[in-house]
């Protein structure tokens, strides 16, 4: 697994905390707060190894964003980090090939474990 990540989280405290956790394992995370910003960075920089996104963002949701990113950058690994527990949404995310990570007390370890796979 590569080391350059795009982190999409609208809560600035959570975004910084996740970036710090990733940095402890030598991941370089570019953090943004919206889907629009994420797509702009992908167009400008494009060399990311994976995307970690919150499910609900100010301008879109993680499933729609995944579809947009997958259209332009097929095969780019996509992880959703969320507190969403609706089984239909979880099933849909997994069926699309998204790594689904619950925002629980172990989310940091879950992110790192998913990235190691």
Protein backbone atom coordinates (compact mmCIF):
# COMPACT_ATOMS: atom_id res chain seq x y z
CA UNK A 1 0.00 0.00 0.00
CA UNK A 2 1.25 3.45 -0.90
CA UNK A 3 1.74 6.22 1.57
CA UNK A 4 0.00 9.27 0.02
CA UNK A 5 -3.62 9.63 1.11
CA UNK A 6 -6.47 12.03 0.44
CA UNK A 7 -8.45 12.62 3.63
CA UNK A 8 -11.95 14.14 3.29
CA UNK A 9 -13.52 15.13 6.60
CA UNK A 10 -15.59 18.25 7.25
CA UNK A 11 -14.89 18.31 10.99
CA UNK A 12 -11.51 20.05 11.28
CA UNK A 13 -10.68 18.52 14.68
CA UNK A 14 -11.42 15.00 13.40
CA UNK A 15 -9.48 15.66 10.18
CA UNK A 16 -6.42 16.80 12.14
CA UNK A 17 -6.67 13.88 14.55
CA UNK A 18 -6.87 11.34 11.71
CA UNK A 19 -3.95 13.00 9.91
CA UNK A 20 -1.86 12.76 13.10
CA UNK A 21 -2.69 9.07 13.50
CA UNK A 22 -1.74 8.46 9.87
CA UNK A 23 1.51 10.40 10.28
CA UNK A 24 2.57 8.11 13.15
CA UNK A 25 2.66 5.31 10.55
CA UNK A 26 4.42 7.48 7.94
CA UNK A 27 1.37 8.16 5.79
CA UNK A 28 1.16 11.56 4.15
CA UNK A 29 -2.44 12.81 4.26
CA UNK A 30 -3.76 15.79 2.33
CA UNK A 31 -6.85 16.90 4.24
CA UNK A 32 -9.88 18.67 2.76
CA UNK A 33 -13.39 19.31 4.03
CA UNK A 34 -15.58 18.75 0.96
CA UNK A 35 -16.08 16.58 -2.08
CA UNK A 36 -15.49 19.59 -4.33
CA UNK A 37 -12.07 20.20 -2.77
CA UNK A 38 -11.22 16.50 -3.00
CA UNK A 39 -12.02 16.37 -6.73
CA UNK A 40 -9.97 19.54 -7.29
CA UNK A 41 -6.95 18.02 -5.52
CA UNK A 42 -7.28 14.80 -7.45
CA UNK A 43 -7.34 16.73 -10.74
CA UNK A 44 -4.36 18.86 -9.69
CA UNK A 45 -2.22 16.30 -7.87
CA UNK A 46 -3.81 12.98 -8.79
CA UNK A 47 -1.10 10.80 -7.30
CA UNK A 48 -2.91 9.42 -4.27
CA UNK A 49 -2.74 5.81 -3.14
CA UNK A 50 -6.09 5.87 -1.33
CA UNK A 51 -8.98 8.10 -0.29
CA UNK A 52 -10.44 8.19 3.22
CA UNK A 53 -13.77 9.99 3.34
CA UNK A 54 -16.46 10.80 5.83
CA UNK A 55 -19.88 9.55 4.69
CA UNK A 56 -21.66 12.89 5.00
CA UNK A 57 -19.98 16.03 3.68
CA UNK A 58 -21.33 19.57 3.23
CA UNK A 59 -21.69 19.16 -0.55
CA UNK A 60 -22.15 15.42 -1.14
CA UNK A 61 -22.11 12.01 0.49
CA UNK A 62 -19.42 9.36 0.44
CA UNK A 63 -21.24 7.03 -1.97
CA UNK A 64 -21.78 9.75 -4.58
CA UNK A 65 -18.21 10.94 -4.13
CA UNK A 66 -16.93 7.40 -4.58
CA UNK A 67 -18.79 7.15 -7.90
CA UNK A 68 -17.31 10.45 -9.10
CA UNK A 69 -13.80 9.47 -8.05
CA UNK A 70 -14.14 5.96 -9.44
CA UNK A 71 -15.20 7.39 -12.82
CA UNK A 72 -12.10 9.58 -13.07
CA UNK A 73 -9.62 7.43 -11.16
CA UNK A 74 -10.78 3.83 -11.45
CA UNK A 75 -9.19 1.47 -8.99
CA UNK A 76 -8.24 4.18 -6.49
CA UNK A 77 -8.77 2.62 -3.09
CA UNK A 78 -11.65 4.24 -1.18
CA UNK A 79 -12.37 3.99 2.55
CA UNK A 80 -15.43 5.47 4.22
CA UNK A 81 -15.15 6.42 7.88
CA UNK A 82 -18.58 7.04 9.39
CA UNK A 83 -20.95 6.58 12.28
CA UNK A 84 -23.70 5.60 9.81
CA UNK A 85 -25.16 2.23 10.79
CA UNK A 86 -28.03 1.85 8.30
CA UNK A 87 -27.51 -1.70 7.00
CA UNK A 88 -28.66 -0.82 3.48
CA UNK A 89 -26.08 1.95 3.21
CA UNK A 90 -23.34 -0.24 4.68
CA UNK A 91 -24.22 -3.07 2.26
CA UNK A 92 -24.25 -0.71 -0.72
CA UNK A 93 -20.84 0.73 0.23
CA UNK A 94 -19.31 -2.71 0.57
CA UNK A 95 -20.90 -3.93 -2.68
CA UNK A 96 -19.27 -0.99 -4.49
CA UNK A 97 -15.87 -2.08 -3.21
CA UNK A 98 -15.59 0.59 -0.53
CA UNK A 99 -13.83 -0.30 2.71
CA UNK A 100 -16.35 0.62 5.41
CA UNK A 101 -14.90 1.73 8.76
CA UNK A 102 -17.17 2.60 11.68
CA UNK A 103 -16.37 5.78 13.62
CA UNK A 104 -16.11 4.08 16.97
CA UNK A 105 -13.54 4.02 19.74
CA UNK A 106 -11.25 1.82 17.60
CA UNK A 107 -11.50 3.74 14.34
CA UNK A 108 -7.81 4.75 14.26
CA UNK A 109 -6.65 1.14 14.53
CA UNK A 110 -9.28 0.12 11.98
CA UNK A 111 -8.04 2.69 9.45
CA UNK A 112 -4.43 1.58 9.85
CA UNK A 113 -5.38 -2.10 9.61
CA UNK A 114 -7.40 -1.45 6.44
CA UNK A 115 -4.52 0.46 4.86
CA UNK A 116 -2.12 -2.42 5.57
CA UNK A 117 -4.28 -4.88 3.60
